[in-house]
Amino acid sequence: MWWTVFVILLVLWLAGLVTAHTVAGVIHILLVLALTLLVVNLMRGHA
């Protein structure tokens, strides 16, 4: 389940980078959330 959330956030981030620079803050927040979920998931050993 966490991988699904990670992939969705990552895809949204990439889409935001391609489409607009005006919402860069929101896009980078999504990136931080995706990376945080990935790190937590890896630390728990569910990778």
C-alpha atoms as a PDB file:
ATOM      1  CA  MET A   1       0.000   0.000   0.000  1.00  0.00           C
ATOM      2  CA  TRP A   2       2.802   2.437   0.836  1.00  0.00           C
ATOM      3  CA  TRP A   3       4.404   1.825  -2.531  1.00  0.00           C
ATOM      4  CA  THR A   4       1.134   2.820  -4.213  1.00  0.00           C
ATOM      5  CA  VAL A   5       1.010   6.066  -2.268  1.00  0.00           C
ATOM      6  CA  PHE A   6       4.673   6.700  -3.048  1.00  0.00           C
ATOM      7  CA  VAL A   7       4.173   6.120  -6.770  1.00  0.00           C
ATOM      8  CA  ILE A   8       1.067   8.342  -6.893  1.00  0.00           C
ATOM      9  CA  LEU A   9       2.852  11.202  -5.138  1.00  0.00           C
ATOM     10  CA  LEU A  10       5.878  10.780  -7.361  1.00  0.00           C
ATOM     11  CA  VAL A  11       3.759  10.848 -10.535  1.00  0.00           C
ATOM     12  CA  LEU A  12       1.927  13.958  -9.327  1.00  0.00           C
ATOM     13  CA  TRP A  13       5.239  15.627  -8.597  1.00  0.00           C
ATOM     14  CA  LEU A  14       6.610  14.806 -12.034  1.00  0.00           C
ATOM     15  CA  ALA A  15       3.404  16.030 -13.691  1.00  0.00           C
ATOM     16  CA  GLY A  16       3.673  19.272 -11.767  1.00  0.00           C
ATOM     17  CA  LEU A  17       7.263  19.789 -12.851  1.00  0.00           C
ATOM     18  CA  VAL A  18       6.283  19.361 -16.478  1.00  0.00           C
ATOM     19  CA  THR A  19       3.096  21.446 -16.471  1.00  0.00           C
ATOM     20  CA  ALA A  20       3.610  24.531 -14.302  1.00  0.00           C
ATOM     21  CA  HIS A  21       6.143  26.467 -12.312  1.00  0.00           C
ATOM     22  CA  THR A  22       3.560  28.558 -10.471  1.00  0.00           C
ATOM     23  CA  VAL A  23       2.723  25.818  -7.964  1.00  0.00           C
ATOM     24  CA  ALA A  24       6.310  24.772  -7.370  1.00  0.00           C
ATOM     25  CA  GLY A  25       5.903  24.923  -3.592  1.00  0.00           C
ATOM     26  CA  VAL A  26       3.045  22.421  -3.612  1.00  0.00           C
ATOM     27  CA  ILE A  27       4.893  20.151  -6.003  1.00  0.00           C
ATOM     28  CA  HIS A  28       7.969  20.038  -3.832  1.00  0.00           C
ATOM     29  CA  ILE A  29       5.848  19.324  -0.773  1.00  0.00           C
ATOM     30  CA  LEU A  30       4.524  16.285  -2.640  1.00  0.00           C
ATOM     31  CA  LEU A  31       8.104  15.231  -3.355  1.00  0.00           C
ATOM     32  CA  VAL A  32       9.042  15.546   0.309  1.00  0.00           C
ATOM     33  CA  LEU A  33       5.976  13.495   1.318  1.00  0.00           C
ATOM     34  CA  ALA A  34       6.823  10.787  -1.203  1.00  0.00           C
ATOM     35  CA  LEU A  35      10.432  10.575  -0.073  1.00  0.00           C
ATOM     36  CA  THR A  36       9.401  10.558   3.594  1.00  0.00           C
ATOM     37  CA  LEU A  37       7.016   7.668   2.986  1.00  0.00           C
ATOM     38  CA  LEU A  38       9.731   5.790   1.128  1.00  0.00           C
ATOM     39  CA  VAL A  39      12.259   6.251   3.927  1.00  0.00           C
ATOM     40  CA  VAL A  40       9.763   5.242   6.629  1.00  0.00           C
ATOM     41  CA  ASN A  41       8.780   2.194   4.606  1.00  0.00           C
ATOM     42  CA  LEU A  42      12.383   1.145   4.125  1.00  0.00           C
ATOM     43  CA  MET A  43      13.233   1.656   7.804  1.00  0.00           C
ATOM     44  CA  ARG A  44      10.329  -0.544   8.866  1.00  0.00           C
ATOM     45  CA  GLY A  45      11.538  -3.300   6.563  1.00  0.00           C
ATOM     46  CA  HIS A  46       8.397  -3.589   4.418  1.00  0.00           C
ATOM     47  CA  ALA A  47      10.170  -2.813   1.169  1.00  0.00           C
END
